[in-house]
Amino acid sequence: MPIVNCGICLKEFYIKPSHKIRGWGKFCSINCRSKAQLKGKVVKCSVCNKSIYRPPRAIAHSKSGKYFCSKSCQTLWRNSFYSGDKSIKWINGIHAYRNILARNGKKPICGLCGNADNRLLNVHHRDHERTNNKIENLCWLCLNCHYLVHHDKKLDEKIRKYGGVCRTA
């Protein structure tokens, strides 16, 4: 009867002679066999900090050096990292100004009259240059106030001076 030592915990155990011929029986239990198979690392998810196991192949294939516990965590990271001017499809940000204001936490309220109806709000460029999409240059205005700013020089100067946060009503 062959008695061998476990490859992990060095405990002595009995194996069948036929298993020894086949090369089996290197570990005393399923737990020891599982420990022997773990050659990767336990890493933290880059979004939620959950501990996850990654095999060596997954570690070698990570281009960013970041690891994710699920596809939703990966998507959250990718959307925050590759948005705006870092996106492949970025073209001067001509159509992105509404999203820029929303992502930077500016509440959608008209800077002049205080209207908060999202259906009536537009984004106004204070310097009237559509390609200048810096957050300091953008402000929310309702349709009526936006029209007035573009047709009234005094109101336009007021918006430029206060940055779209000057209530007149």
Protein backbone atom coordinates (compact mmCIF):
# COMPACT_ATOMS: atom_id res chain seq x y z
CA MET A 1 0.00 0.00 0.00
CA PRO A 2 1.65 3.26 -1.14
CA ILE A 3 1.79 6.04 1.42
CA VAL A 4 2.84 9.48 0.11
CA ASN A 5 3.24 13.01 1.47
CA CYS A 6 0.85 15.78 0.41
CA GLY A 7 2.46 18.34 -1.90
CA ILE A 8 1.04 21.26 0.12
CA CYS A 9 0.68 20.35 3.82
CA LEU A 10 3.16 17.39 3.83
CA LYS A 11 0.62 15.16 5.59
CA GLU A 12 1.01 11.42 4.93
CA PHE A 13 -1.91 9.68 3.23
CA TYR A 14 -2.74 6.44 1.44
CA ILE A 15 -3.38 6.27 -2.33
CA LYS A 16 -4.42 3.36 -4.50
CA PRO A 17 -1.57 1.77 -6.49
CA SER A 18 -3.44 2.40 -9.75
CA HIS A 19 -3.70 6.13 -8.91
CA LYS A 20 0.03 6.29 -8.23
CA ILE A 21 0.75 4.71 -11.65
CA ARG A 22 -1.41 7.37 -13.35
CA GLY A 23 0.35 10.19 -11.50
CA TRP A 24 -2.61 11.01 -9.29
CA GLY A 25 -2.60 11.29 -5.52
CA LYS A 26 -0.29 14.24 -5.04
CA PHE A 27 -2.57 16.00 -2.56
CA CYS A 28 -4.35 14.75 0.54
CA SER A 29 -7.60 16.69 0.00
CA ILE A 30 -9.53 18.86 -2.41
CA ASN A 31 -8.51 21.95 -0.40
CA CYS A 32 -4.80 21.19 -0.85
CA ARG A 33 -5.33 20.49 -4.55
CA SER A 34 -7.14 23.85 -4.93
CA LYS A 35 -4.30 25.69 -3.18
CA ALA A 36 -1.81 24.11 -5.60
CA GLN A 37 -3.84 25.30 -8.60
CA LEU A 38 -3.97 28.94 -7.42
CA LYS A 39 -1.04 30.55 -9.21
CA GLY A 40 -2.63 33.93 -9.80
CA LYS A 41 -3.18 36.79 -7.36
CA VAL A 42 -5.97 38.22 -5.30
CA VAL A 43 -6.39 41.84 -6.45
CA LYS A 44 -8.82 44.67 -5.68
CA CYS A 45 -11.49 45.84 -8.11
CA SER A 46 -10.48 49.29 -9.36
CA VAL A 47 -14.01 50.67 -8.87
CA CYS A 48 -15.55 49.04 -5.78
CA ASN A 49 -12.39 47.65 -4.03
CA LYS A 50 -13.87 44.15 -3.83
CA SER A 51 -11.21 41.40 -3.53
CA ILE A 52 -11.12 39.16 -6.61
CA TYR A 53 -8.89 36.34 -7.81
CA ARG A 54 -7.27 36.71 -11.23
CA PRO A 55 -5.32 33.91 -12.94
CA PRO A 56 -1.85 34.67 -14.37
CA ARG A 57 -3.22 34.97 -17.90
CA ALA A 58 -5.73 37.67 -16.90
CA ILE A 59 -3.01 39.58 -15.05
CA ALA A 60 -0.70 39.46 -18.08
CA HIS A 61 -3.44 40.59 -20.50
CA SER A 62 -4.54 43.69 -18.57
CA LYS A 63 -3.49 46.67 -20.72
CA SER A 64 -4.46 49.29 -18.14
CA GLY A 65 -3.17 47.40 -15.09
CA LYS A 66 -6.64 47.66 -13.57
CA TYR A 67 -8.90 44.77 -12.60
CA PHE A 68 -12.68 44.66 -12.29
CA CYS A 69 -15.05 42.31 -10.49
CA SER A 70 -17.80 42.66 -13.11
CA LYS A 71 -18.58 44.14 -16.49
CA SER A 72 -20.61 46.92 -14.85
CA CYS A 73 -17.58 48.05 -12.80
CA GLN A 74 -15.44 47.99 -15.94
CA THR A 75 -18.03 50.08 -17.80
CA LEU A 76 -18.22 52.63 -14.96
CA TRP A 77 -14.44 53.07 -15.07
CA ARG A 78 -14.29 53.22 -18.87
CA ASN A 79 -17.11 55.78 -19.11
CA SER A 80 -15.43 58.06 -16.59
CA PHE A 81 -11.94 57.64 -18.05
CA TYR A 82 -12.68 57.81 -21.80
CA SER A 83 -15.30 60.57 -21.81
CA GLY A 84 -15.12 64.08 -23.18
CA ASP A 85 -11.89 65.09 -24.88
CA LYS A 86 -10.29 61.70 -24.03
CA SER A 87 -12.82 59.86 -26.19
CA ILE A 88 -11.79 58.47 -29.57
CA LYS A 89 -14.82 60.11 -31.21
CA TRP A 90 -14.18 63.57 -29.71
CA ILE A 91 -14.51 66.33 -32.33
CA ASN A 92 -14.02 69.71 -30.61
CA GLY A 93 -16.92 68.91 -28.27
CA ILE A 94 -19.40 70.78 -30.45
CA HIS A 95 -22.33 68.64 -29.31
CA ALA A 96 -21.08 67.64 -25.85
CA TYR A 97 -21.65 70.80 -23.81
CA ARG A 98 -24.92 69.65 -22.25
CA ASN A 99 -23.24 66.49 -20.94
CA ILE A 100 -20.25 68.50 -19.69
CA LEU A 101 -22.49 70.63 -17.48
CA ALA A 102 -24.45 67.62 -16.23
CA ARG A 103 -21.30 65.62 -15.35
CA ASN A 104 -19.69 68.50 -13.47
CA GLY A 105 -22.60 68.80 -11.06
CA LYS A 106 -24.08 72.11 -12.17
CA LYS A 107 -27.77 71.94 -11.28
CA PRO A 108 -30.04 72.36 -14.30
CA ILE A 109 -31.60 75.68 -13.26
CA CYS A 110 -31.81 78.79 -15.43
CA GLY A 111 -29.13 81.26 -14.36
CA LEU A 112 -31.42 84.25 -14.83
CA CYS A 113 -34.99 83.37 -13.90
CA GLY A 114 -34.48 80.15 -11.88
CA ASN A 115 -36.63 77.92 -14.09
CA ALA A 116 -35.85 74.26 -13.38
CA ASP A 117 -37.92 72.58 -16.13
CA ASN A 118 -35.38 70.39 -17.92
CA ARG A 119 -37.40 70.49 -21.15
CA LEU A 120 -36.91 74.26 -21.43
CA LEU A 121 -33.23 74.48 -20.53
CA ASN A 122 -30.42 75.17 -22.99
CA VAL A 123 -26.69 75.52 -22.45
CA HIS A 124 -25.33 78.99 -23.10
CA HIS A 125 -21.70 79.72 -24.04
CA ARG A 126 -20.79 82.94 -22.25
CA ASP A 127 -18.23 83.95 -24.90
CA HIS A 128 -20.55 82.83 -27.77
CA GLU A 129 -17.89 80.38 -29.01
CA ARG A 130 -19.40 76.89 -29.44
CA THR A 131 -16.04 75.11 -29.42
CA ASN A 132 -15.00 76.59 -26.04
CA ASN A 133 -16.58 73.99 -23.75
CA LYS A 134 -14.73 74.76 -20.54
CA ILE A 135 -16.99 74.53 -17.52
CA GLU A 136 -16.38 78.22 -16.67
CA ASN A 137 -17.77 79.20 -20.08
CA LEU A 138 -21.04 77.24 -19.82
CA CYS A 139 -24.26 77.98 -17.96
CA TRP A 140 -27.89 76.82 -18.00
CA LEU A 141 -30.51 79.19 -19.44
CA CYS A 142 -34.16 78.57 -20.26
CA LEU A 143 -35.29 79.13 -23.86
CA ASN A 144 -36.71 82.59 -23.13
CA CYS A 145 -33.65 83.86 -21.22
CA HIS A 146 -31.31 82.35 -23.82
CA TYR A 147 -33.10 84.32 -26.55
CA LEU A 148 -32.95 87.51 -24.46
CA VAL A 149 -29.22 87.11 -23.75
CA HIS A 150 -28.47 86.83 -27.46
CA HIS A 151 -30.57 89.91 -28.30
CA ASP A 152 -29.95 92.23 -25.31
CA LYS A 153 -26.42 93.59 -24.83
CA LYS A 154 -26.93 94.54 -21.14
CA LEU A 155 -28.17 91.07 -20.25
CA ASP A 156 -25.31 89.50 -22.21
CA GLU A 157 -22.78 91.55 -20.21
CA LYS A 158 -24.50 90.51 -16.99
CA ILE A 159 -24.16 86.83 -17.92
CA ARG A 160 -20.49 87.27 -18.84
CA LYS A 161 -19.79 89.06 -15.56
CA TYR A 162 -21.63 86.73 -13.15
CA GLY A 163 -21.22 83.44 -15.04
CA GLY A 164 -24.90 82.62 -15.42
CA VAL A 165 -25.77 82.73 -11.72
CA CYS A 166 -27.53 86.06 -11.42
CA ARG A 167 -31.23 85.95 -10.59
CA THR A 168 -33.20 88.96 -11.83
CA ALA A 169 -36.72 87.79 -11.08
